[in-house]
Amino acid sequence: MSTKTSIEWTEQTWNPTVGCSKISPGCAHCYAEVMARRLQAMGVKGYEDGFRLTLVPARLVEPGKRKRPTVYFVNSMSDLFHEDIPDSYLLQVMEAIRQAPQHTFQILTKRAERMAEFFRENQPPPNAWLGVTVENRAHGLPRLLALRSIPAAVRFVSVEPLLEDLGEVDLTGMHWVIVGGESGPKARPMQRDWVLNIQRLCDGQGVAFFFKQWGGWGVDGKKRGKRQNGRLLNGRTWDAVPRVEKRQHECAV
């Protein structure tokens, strides 16, 4: 099922798999897990097992049916490179992406080593952007090394939820960084200086910077709804995206 989304940096979501399992601190308050339980209670097809990892091959044909060029976030409700998803199914997903060249597909994972291993044997589709989550130094930053090895059209980093100051980060080979705070009743706070540090790094290294949201804690350190906290940083929005036309044939750095 492909659906419109309120995620600021994409247009629609496409979930050829659903469900996942936790592997790092960024997973602690997973929004997808909560949503999957709601969808299960509503009887939505594909969520009969709630958040248990499930392949949904019937959805593979969905992007090809849509002619209007669309930016898809792949697996907003799962992790495409989960260890229990077989390579044979990943190949089917990549073929579905290749067969829909009118669209852009954004694939985000916390399992960067699995993704890099898969693409050592298989060329990424030219219309696929590949990204990793970086929530902290210990678990998140090592994923950049794996991502950097993949010859993707665009390599991006989702720093959400940002759980600590990342310090000095080498963004070589990255084209886009998205930063966001955690939302939900158990949201962990994000500090303004942590965000500004990443914005500084992007500006200095020529990487597009996108500030998604403050989340459940405002820049003033007060807890409230994410809509109230908004997404202004230093009085403005930051909505930069990669210049794709210059990236399509770029090799990994």
C-alpha atoms as a PDB file:
ATOM      1  CA  MET A   1       0.000   0.000   0.000  1.00  0.00           C
ATOM      2  CA  SER A   2       1.452   3.342  -1.106  1.00  0.00           C
ATOM      3  CA  THR A   3       0.158   6.291   0.863  1.00  0.00           C
ATOM      4  CA  LYS A   4       0.613  10.044   1.111  1.00  0.00           C
ATOM      5  CA  THR A   5       2.631  11.075   4.131  1.00  0.00           C
ATOM      6  CA  SER A   6       3.203  14.076   6.355  1.00  0.00           C
ATOM      7  CA  ILE A   7       6.962  13.377   6.429  1.00  0.00           C
ATOM      8  CA  GLU A   8       8.455  16.674   5.284  1.00  0.00           C
ATOM      9  CA  TRP A   9      11.240  15.301   3.098  1.00  0.00           C
ATOM     10  CA  THR A  10       9.270  12.865   0.952  1.00  0.00           C
ATOM     11  CA  GLU A  11       5.911  12.579  -0.836  1.00  0.00           C
ATOM     12  CA  GLN A  12       4.591   9.054  -0.393  1.00  0.00           C
ATOM     13  CA  THR A  13       5.522   5.911   1.506  1.00  0.00           C
ATOM     14  CA  TRP A  14       5.820   2.453  -0.009  1.00  0.00           C
ATOM     15  CA  ASN A  15       6.138  -0.592   2.240  1.00  0.00           C
ATOM     16  CA  PRO A  16       6.974  -3.843   0.419  1.00  0.00           C
ATOM     17  CA  THR A  17       7.755  -5.193   3.888  1.00  0.00           C
ATOM     18  CA  VAL A  18       6.344  -4.269   7.278  1.00  0.00           C
ATOM     19  CA  GLY A  19       7.572  -4.917  10.795  1.00  0.00           C
ATOM     20  CA  CYS A  20      11.028  -4.830  12.311  1.00  0.00           C
ATOM     21  CA  SER A  21      13.076  -5.444  15.469  1.00  0.00           C
ATOM     22  CA  LYS A  22      15.092  -3.073  17.638  1.00  0.00           C
ATOM     23  CA  ILE A  23      18.864  -2.865  17.223  1.00  0.00           C
ATOM     24  CA  SER A  24      19.995   0.477  18.702  1.00  0.00           C
ATOM     25  CA  PRO A  25      18.907   3.374  20.973  1.00  0.00           C
ATOM     26  CA  GLY A  26      17.201   5.135  18.077  1.00  0.00           C
ATOM     27  CA  CYS A  27      14.671   2.290  18.000  1.00  0.00           C
ATOM     28  CA  ALA A  28      13.562   2.673  21.614  1.00  0.00           C
ATOM     29  CA  HIS A  29      10.349   4.602  20.914  1.00  0.00           C
ATOM     30  CA  CYS A  30       9.649   3.409  17.372  1.00  0.00           C
ATOM     31  CA  TYR A  31       6.680   5.218  15.833  1.00  0.00           C
ATOM     32  CA  ALA A  32       6.233   2.433  13.275  1.00  0.00           C
ATOM     33  CA  GLU A  33       5.706  -0.153  16.003  1.00  0.00           C
ATOM     34  CA  VAL A  34       2.893   1.903  17.532  1.00  0.00           C
ATOM     35  CA  MET A  35       1.348   2.558  14.125  1.00  0.00           C
ATOM     36  CA  ALA A  36       1.512  -1.117  13.146  1.00  0.00           C
ATOM     37  CA  ARG A  37      -0.498  -2.083  16.210  1.00  0.00           C
ATOM     38  CA  ARG A  38      -3.125   0.510  15.333  1.00  0.00           C
ATOM     39  CA  LEU A  39      -3.340  -0.759  11.766  1.00  0.00           C
ATOM     40  CA  GLN A  40      -3.609  -4.332  13.031  1.00  0.00           C
ATOM     41  CA  ALA A  41      -6.529  -3.330  15.254  1.00  0.00           C
ATOM     42  CA  MET A  42      -8.153  -1.628  12.259  1.00  0.00           C
ATOM     43  CA  GLY A  43      -7.812  -4.801  10.190  1.00  0.00           C
ATOM     44  CA  VAL A  44      -5.572  -3.218   7.545  1.00  0.00           C
ATOM     45  CA  LYS A  45      -4.198  -5.794   5.136  1.00  0.00           C
ATOM     46  CA  GLY A  46      -0.517  -6.540   5.668  1.00  0.00           C
ATOM     47  CA  TYR A  47      -0.625  -5.901   9.401  1.00  0.00           C
ATOM     48  CA  GLU A  48      -2.311  -9.123  10.504  1.00  0.00           C
ATOM     49  CA  ASP A  49       0.798  -9.897  12.589  1.00  0.00           C
ATOM     50  CA  GLY A  50       1.236  -6.388  13.909  1.00  0.00           C
ATOM     51  CA  PHE A  51       4.903  -5.387  13.912  1.00  0.00           C
ATOM     52  CA  ARG A  52       6.286  -8.853  13.168  1.00  0.00           C
ATOM     53  CA  LEU A  53       8.486  -8.725  10.067  1.00  0.00           C
ATOM     54  CA  THR A  54       6.327  -9.577   7.055  1.00  0.00           C
ATOM     55  CA  LEU A  55       7.033  -9.577   3.319  1.00  0.00           C
ATOM     56  CA  VAL A  56       4.223  -8.082   1.239  1.00  0.00           C
ATOM     57  CA  PRO A  57       5.042  -9.049  -2.379  1.00  0.00           C
ATOM     58  CA  ALA A  58       1.617  -7.897  -3.620  1.00  0.00           C
ATOM     59  CA  ARG A  59       2.838  -4.324  -3.108  1.00  0.00           C
ATOM     60  CA  LEU A  60       5.787  -4.657  -5.472  1.00  0.00           C
ATOM     61  CA  VAL A  61       3.687  -3.607  -8.472  1.00  0.00           C
ATOM     62  CA  GLU A  62       2.272  -0.444  -6.880  1.00  0.00           C
ATOM     63  CA  PRO A  63       4.902   2.158  -7.916  1.00  0.00           C
ATOM     64  CA  GLY A  64       4.812   0.999 -11.537  1.00  0.00           C
ATOM     65  CA  LYS A  65       1.099   1.755 -11.713  1.00  0.00           C
ATOM     66  CA  ARG A  66       1.644   5.408 -10.828  1.00  0.00           C
ATOM     67  CA  LYS A  67       2.734   7.518 -13.796  1.00  0.00           C
ATOM     68  CA  ARG A  68       3.176  10.868 -12.055  1.00  0.00           C
ATOM     69  CA  PRO A  69       6.811  11.244 -10.878  1.00  0.00           C
ATOM     70  CA  THR A  70       6.801  10.755  -7.127  1.00  0.00           C
ATOM     71  CA  VAL A  71       9.338  10.655  -4.304  1.00  0.00           C
ATOM     72  CA  TYR A  72       8.794   7.458  -2.305  1.00  0.00           C
ATOM     73  CA  PHE A  73      10.141   6.712   1.148  1.00  0.00           C
ATOM     74  CA  VAL A  74      10.678   2.957   1.047  1.00  0.00           C
ATOM     75  CA  ASN A  75       9.691   1.012   4.166  1.00  0.00           C
ATOM     76  CA  SER A  76       8.579   3.706   6.541  1.00  0.00           C
ATOM     77  CA  MET A  77       7.141   0.786   8.525  1.00  0.00           C
ATOM     78  CA  SER A  78      10.148  -1.514   8.382  1.00  0.00           C
ATOM     79  CA  ASP A  79      13.849  -1.769   7.541  1.00  0.00           C
ATOM     80  CA  LEU A  80      14.478  -3.097   4.043  1.00  0.00           C
ATOM     81  CA  PHE A  81      17.847  -4.520   5.050  1.00  0.00           C
ATOM     82  CA  HIS A  82      16.620  -6.406   8.093  1.00  0.00           C
ATOM     83  CA  GLU A  83      18.634  -9.601   8.486  1.00  0.00           C
ATOM     84  CA  ASP A  84      15.545 -11.781   7.991  1.00  0.00           C
ATOM     85  CA  ILE A  85      14.667 -10.367   4.568  1.00  0.00           C
ATOM     86  CA  PRO A  86      16.264 -12.675   1.966  1.00  0.00           C
ATOM     87  CA  ASP A  87      18.453 -11.315  -0.815  1.00  0.00           C
ATOM     88  CA  SER A  88      16.044 -12.833  -3.322  1.00  0.00           C
ATOM     89  CA  TYR A  89      13.303 -10.514  -2.095  1.00  0.00           C
ATOM     90  CA  LEU A  90      15.635  -7.517  -2.044  1.00  0.00           C
ATOM     91  CA  LEU A  91      16.358  -8.208  -5.713  1.00  0.00           C
ATOM     92  CA  GLN A  92      12.629  -8.118  -6.428  1.00  0.00           C
ATOM     93  CA  VAL A  93      12.334  -4.761  -4.650  1.00  0.00           C
ATOM     94  CA  MET A  94      15.262  -3.348  -6.646  1.00  0.00           C
ATOM     95  CA  GLU A  95      13.726  -4.590  -9.884  1.00  0.00           C
ATOM     96  CA  ALA A  96      10.442  -2.879  -9.003  1.00  0.00           C
ATOM     97  CA  ILE A  97      12.393   0.335  -8.461  1.00  0.00           C
ATOM     98  CA  ARG A  98      14.193  -0.020 -11.808  1.00  0.00           C
ATOM     99  CA  GLN A  99      10.882  -0.643 -13.556  1.00  0.00           C
ATOM    100  CA  ALA A 100       9.567   2.709 -12.287  1.00  0.00           C
ATOM    101  CA  PRO A 101      12.247   5.170 -13.465  1.00  0.00           C
ATOM    102  CA  GLN A 102       9.809   8.068 -13.244  1.00  0.00           C
ATOM    103  CA  HIS A 103      10.014   7.891  -9.450  1.00  0.00           C
ATOM    104  CA  THR A 104      12.694   8.527  -6.837  1.00  0.00           C
ATOM    105  CA  PHE A 105      12.982   5.951  -4.036  1.00  0.00           C
ATOM    106  CA  GLN A 106      14.529   6.879  -0.688  1.00  0.00           C
ATOM    107  CA  ILE A 107      15.758   3.836   1.243  1.00  0.00           C
ATOM    108  CA  LEU A 108      16.798   4.355   4.858  1.00  0.00           C
ATOM    109  CA  THR A 109      18.334   1.703   7.120  1.00  0.00           C
ATOM    110  CA  LYS A 110      20.017   1.190  10.464  1.00  0.00           C
ATOM    111  CA  ARG A 111      21.558  -2.004   9.084  1.00  0.00           C
ATOM    112  CA  ALA A 112      24.220  -0.287   7.024  1.00  0.00           C
ATOM    113  CA  GLU A 113      26.626  -3.229   6.827  1.00  0.00           C
ATOM    114  CA  ARG A 114      23.929  -5.479   5.367  1.00  0.00           C
ATOM    115  CA  MET A 115      23.083  -2.812   2.811  1.00  0.00           C
ATOM    116  CA  ALA A 116      26.730  -2.371   1.831  1.00  0.00           C
ATOM    117  CA  GLU A 117      27.200  -6.138   1.563  1.00  0.00           C
ATOM    118  CA  PHE A 118      24.157  -6.472  -0.703  1.00  0.00           C
ATOM    119  CA  PHE A 119      25.335  -3.696  -3.019  1.00  0.00           C
ATOM    120  CA  ARG A 120      28.817  -5.147  -3.322  1.00  0.00           C
ATOM    121  CA  GLU A 121      27.195  -7.779  -5.532  1.00  0.00           C
ATOM    122  CA  ASN A 122      24.328  -5.722  -6.962  1.00  0.00           C
ATOM    123  CA  GLN A 123      24.349  -2.285  -8.569  1.00  0.00           C
ATOM    124  CA  PRO A 124      21.957   0.195  -6.937  1.00  0.00           C
ATOM    125  CA  PRO A 125      19.142   1.395  -9.207  1.00  0.00           C
ATOM    126  CA  PRO A 126      19.929   4.892 -10.543  1.00  0.00           C
ATOM    127  CA  ASN A 127      16.673   6.241  -9.105  1.00  0.00           C
ATOM    128  CA  ALA A 128      17.355   4.952  -5.576  1.00  0.00           C
ATOM    129  CA  TRP A 129      18.711   7.209  -2.845  1.00  0.00           C
ATOM    130  CA  LEU A 130      20.388   5.239  -0.063  1.00  0.00           C
ATOM    131  CA  GLY A 131      20.583   6.455   3.514  1.00  0.00           C
ATOM    132  CA  VAL A 132      21.406   5.501   7.084  1.00  0.00           C
ATOM    133  CA  THR A 133      20.136   6.636  10.466  1.00  0.00           C
ATOM    134  CA  VAL A 134      22.645   8.303  12.794  1.00  0.00           C
ATOM    135  CA  GLU A 135      21.164   8.859  16.236  1.00  0.00           C
ATOM    136  CA  ASN A 136      24.387   8.971  18.275  1.00  0.00           C
ATOM    137  CA  ARG A 137      28.131   8.501  18.049  1.00  0.00           C
ATOM    138  CA  ALA A 138      28.511   4.872  19.115  1.00  0.00           C
ATOM    139  CA  HIS A 139      25.821   3.257  16.977  1.00  0.00           C
ATOM    140  CA  GLY A 140      25.151   5.837  14.286  1.00  0.00           C
ATOM    141  CA  LEU A 141      28.461   7.239  13.074  1.00  0.00           C
ATOM    142  CA  PRO A 142      29.969   3.852  12.057  1.00  0.00           C
ATOM    143  CA  ARG A 143      27.103   3.471   9.575  1.00  0.00           C
ATOM    144  CA  LEU A 144      28.536   6.326   7.504  1.00  0.00           C
ATOM    145  CA  LEU A 145      31.569   4.246   6.593  1.00  0.00           C
ATOM    146  CA  ALA A 146      29.389   1.485   5.168  1.00  0.00           C
ATOM    147  CA  LEU A 147      27.181   3.934   3.278  1.00  0.00           C
ATOM    148  CA  ARG A 148      30.188   5.727   1.822  1.00  0.00           C
ATOM    149  CA  SER A 149      31.258   2.521   0.046  1.00  0.00           C
ATOM    150  CA  ILE A 150      28.047   2.254  -2.002  1.00  0.00           C
ATOM    151  CA  PRO A 151      27.912   3.904  -5.466  1.00  0.00           C
ATOM    152  CA  ALA A 152      24.431   5.329  -4.980  1.00  0.00           C
ATOM    153  CA  ALA A 153      23.022   8.254  -6.941  1.00  0.00           C
ATOM    154  CA  VAL A 154      22.454  10.020  -3.615  1.00  0.00           C
ATOM    155  CA  ARG A 155      23.726   9.043  -0.175  1.00  0.00           C
ATOM    156  CA  PHE A 156      21.822  10.621   2.701  1.00  0.00           C
ATOM    157  CA  VAL A 157      21.827  10.644   6.488  1.00  0.00           C
ATOM    158  CA  SER A 158      18.785  10.832   8.737  1.00  0.00           C
ATOM    159  CA  VAL A 159      19.903  12.212  12.083  1.00  0.00           C
ATOM    160  CA  GLU A 160      16.607  11.466  13.813  1.00  0.00           C
ATOM    161  CA  PRO A 161      16.159  11.174  16.662  1.00  0.00           C
ATOM    162  CA  LEU A 162      19.285  13.166  17.461  1.00  0.00           C
ATOM    163  CA  LEU A 163      20.178  11.929  20.937  1.00  0.00           C
ATOM    164  CA  GLU A 164      23.500  13.649  21.609  1.00  0.00           C
ATOM    165  CA  ASP A 165      26.101  16.026  20.225  1.00  0.00           C
ATOM    166  CA  LEU A 166      27.826  14.213  17.346  1.00  0.00           C
ATOM    167  CA  GLY A 167      30.979  16.324  17.516  1.00  0.00           C
ATOM    168  CA  GLU A 168      33.148  16.629  14.421  1.00  0.00           C
ATOM    169  CA  VAL A 169      31.829  14.365  11.670  1.00  0.00           C
ATOM    170  CA  ASP A 170      33.395  13.621   8.295  1.00  0.00           C
ATOM    171  CA  LEU A 171      30.567  13.877   5.757  1.00  0.00           C
ATOM    172  CA  THR A 172      32.706  12.939   2.768  1.00  0.00           C
ATOM    173  CA  GLY A 173      30.557  11.152   0.191  1.00  0.00           C
ATOM    174  CA  MET A 174      27.274  12.315   1.727  1.00  0.00           C
ATOM    175  CA  HIS A 175      24.889  14.463  -0.285  1.00  0.00           C
ATOM    176  CA  TRP A 176      22.115  15.204   2.184  1.00  0.00           C
ATOM    177  CA  VAL A 177      21.614  15.354   5.951  1.00  0.00           C
ATOM    178  CA  ILE A 178      18.180  15.456   7.610  1.00  0.00           C
ATOM    179  CA  VAL A 179      17.988  16.358  11.314  1.00  0.00           C
ATOM    180  CA  GLY A 180      15.016  15.914  13.622  1.00  0.00           C
ATOM    181  CA  GLY A 181      14.077  15.562  17.256  1.00  0.00           C
ATOM    182  CA  GLU A 182      12.061  12.715  18.679  1.00  0.00           C
ATOM    183  CA  SER A 183       8.294  13.018  19.048  1.00  0.00           C
ATOM    184  CA  GLY A 184       5.746  11.087  21.062  1.00  0.00           C
ATOM    185  CA  PRO A 185       4.956  10.835  24.802  1.00  0.00           C
ATOM    186  CA  LYS A 186       8.382   9.403  25.673  1.00  0.00           C
ATOM    187  CA  ALA A 187      10.399  11.743  23.455  1.00  0.00           C
ATOM    188  CA  ARG A 188      13.975  12.441  24.485  1.00  0.00           C
ATOM    189  CA  PRO A 189      15.054  16.119  24.246  1.00  0.00           C
ATOM    190  CA  MET A 190      17.323  17.495  21.531  1.00  0.00           C
ATOM    191  CA  GLN A 191      19.587  20.469  22.196  1.00  0.00           C
ATOM    192  CA  ARG A 192      19.808  23.458  19.857  1.00  0.00           C
ATOM    193  CA  ASP A 193      23.620  23.395  19.883  1.00  0.00           C
ATOM    194  CA  TRP A 194      23.605  19.783  18.656  1.00  0.00           C
ATOM    195  CA  VAL A 195      21.558  20.811  15.619  1.00  0.00           C
ATOM    196  CA  LEU A 196      23.613  23.907  14.886  1.00  0.00           C
ATOM    197  CA  ASN A 197      26.776  21.825  14.969  1.00  0.00           C
ATOM    198  CA  ILE A 198      25.425  19.582  12.213  1.00  0.00           C
ATOM    199  CA  GLN A 199      24.235  22.578  10.195  1.00  0.00           C
ATOM    200  CA  ARG A 200      27.746  24.028  10.488  1.00  0.00           C
ATOM    201  CA  LEU A 201      29.313  20.766   9.338  1.00  0.00           C
ATOM    202  CA  CYS A 202      26.992  20.566   6.320  1.00  0.00           C
ATOM    203  CA  ASP A 203      27.684  24.182   5.364  1.00  0.00           C
ATOM    204  CA  GLY A 204      31.418  23.680   5.642  1.00  0.00           C
ATOM    205  CA  GLN A 205      31.471  20.420   3.697  1.00  0.00           C
ATOM    206  CA  GLY A 206      28.996  21.313   0.963  1.00  0.00           C
ATOM    207  CA  VAL A 207      26.200  18.959   2.057  1.00  0.00           C
ATOM    208  CA  ALA A 208      22.502  19.820   1.711  1.00  0.00           C
ATOM    209  CA  PHE A 209      20.927  20.373   5.157  1.00  0.00           C
ATOM    210  CA  PHE A 210      17.260  19.740   5.976  1.00  0.00           C
ATOM    211  CA  PHE A 211      15.825  20.455   9.423  1.00  0.00           C
ATOM    212  CA  LYS A 212      12.720  18.306   9.845  1.00  0.00           C
ATOM    213  CA  GLN A 213      11.375  19.164  13.301  1.00  0.00           C
ATOM    214  CA  TRP A 214      12.069  19.856  16.969  1.00  0.00           C
ATOM    215  CA  GLY A 215       9.779  17.007  17.964  1.00  0.00           C
ATOM    216  CA  GLY A 216       8.367  16.711  21.454  1.00  0.00           C
ATOM    217  CA  TRP A 217      10.746  19.240  23.022  1.00  0.00           C
ATOM    218  CA  GLY A 218      10.983  22.831  21.837  1.00  0.00           C
ATOM    219  CA  VAL A 219      14.091  24.908  21.316  1.00  0.00           C
ATOM    220  CA  ASP A 220      13.212  26.503  24.681  1.00  0.00           C
ATOM    221  CA  GLY A 221      13.511  23.138  26.432  1.00  0.00           C
ATOM    222  CA  LYS A 222       9.779  22.840  27.071  1.00  0.00           C
ATOM    223  CA  LYS A 223       7.790  19.718  26.253  1.00  0.00           C
ATOM    224  CA  ARG A 224       4.742  20.144  24.027  1.00  0.00           C
ATOM    225  CA  GLY A 225       3.230  18.800  20.804  1.00  0.00           C
ATOM    226  CA  LYS A 226       5.571  18.643  17.820  1.00  0.00           C
ATOM    227  CA  ARG A 227       3.291  20.889  15.769  1.00  0.00           C
ATOM    228  CA  GLN A 228       3.585  23.591  18.422  1.00  0.00           C
ATOM    229  CA  ASN A 229       7.359  23.254  18.538  1.00  0.00           C
ATOM    230  CA  GLY A 230       7.559  23.532  14.756  1.00  0.00           C
ATOM    231  CA  ARG A 231      10.659  23.320  12.614  1.00  0.00           C
ATOM    232  CA  LEU A 232      12.272  26.744  12.703  1.00  0.00           C
ATOM    233  CA  LEU A 233      15.996  26.863  13.386  1.00  0.00           C
ATOM    234  CA  ASN A 234      17.494  30.306  13.960  1.00  0.00           C
ATOM    235  CA  GLY A 235      14.245  31.839  12.781  1.00  0.00           C
ATOM    236  CA  ARG A 236      13.966  30.052   9.434  1.00  0.00           C
ATOM    237  CA  THR A 237      13.236  26.723   7.798  1.00  0.00           C
ATOM    238  CA  TRP A 238      16.002  24.647   6.242  1.00  0.00           C
ATOM    239  CA  ASP A 239      14.720  22.622   3.287  1.00  0.00           C
ATOM    240  CA  ALA A 240      17.766  21.984   1.124  1.00  0.00           C
ATOM    241  CA  VAL A 241      17.751  18.830  -1.018  1.00  0.00           C
ATOM    242  CA  PRO A 242      20.475  17.245  -3.160  1.00  0.00           C
ATOM    243  CA  ARG A 243      20.976  18.464  -6.723  1.00  0.00           C
ATOM    244  CA  VAL A 244      20.117  15.118  -8.237  1.00  0.00           C
ATOM    245  CA  GLU A 245      20.917  15.913 -11.844  1.00  0.00           C
ATOM    246  CA  LYS A 246      24.582  16.198 -10.881  1.00  0.00           C
ATOM    247  CA  ARG A 247      24.623  13.010  -8.807  1.00  0.00           C
ATOM    248  CA  GLN A 248      23.180  10.354 -11.089  1.00  0.00           C
ATOM    249  CA  HIS A 249      26.498   9.036 -12.380  1.00  0.00           C
ATOM    250  CA  GLU A 250      28.698   9.839  -9.415  1.00  0.00           C
ATOM    251  CA  CYS A 251      30.724   6.979  -7.982  1.00  0.00           C
ATOM    252  CA  ALA A 252      31.325   6.346  -4.318  1.00  0.00           C
ATOM    253  CA  VAL A 253      34.045   8.410  -2.709  1.00  0.00           C
END
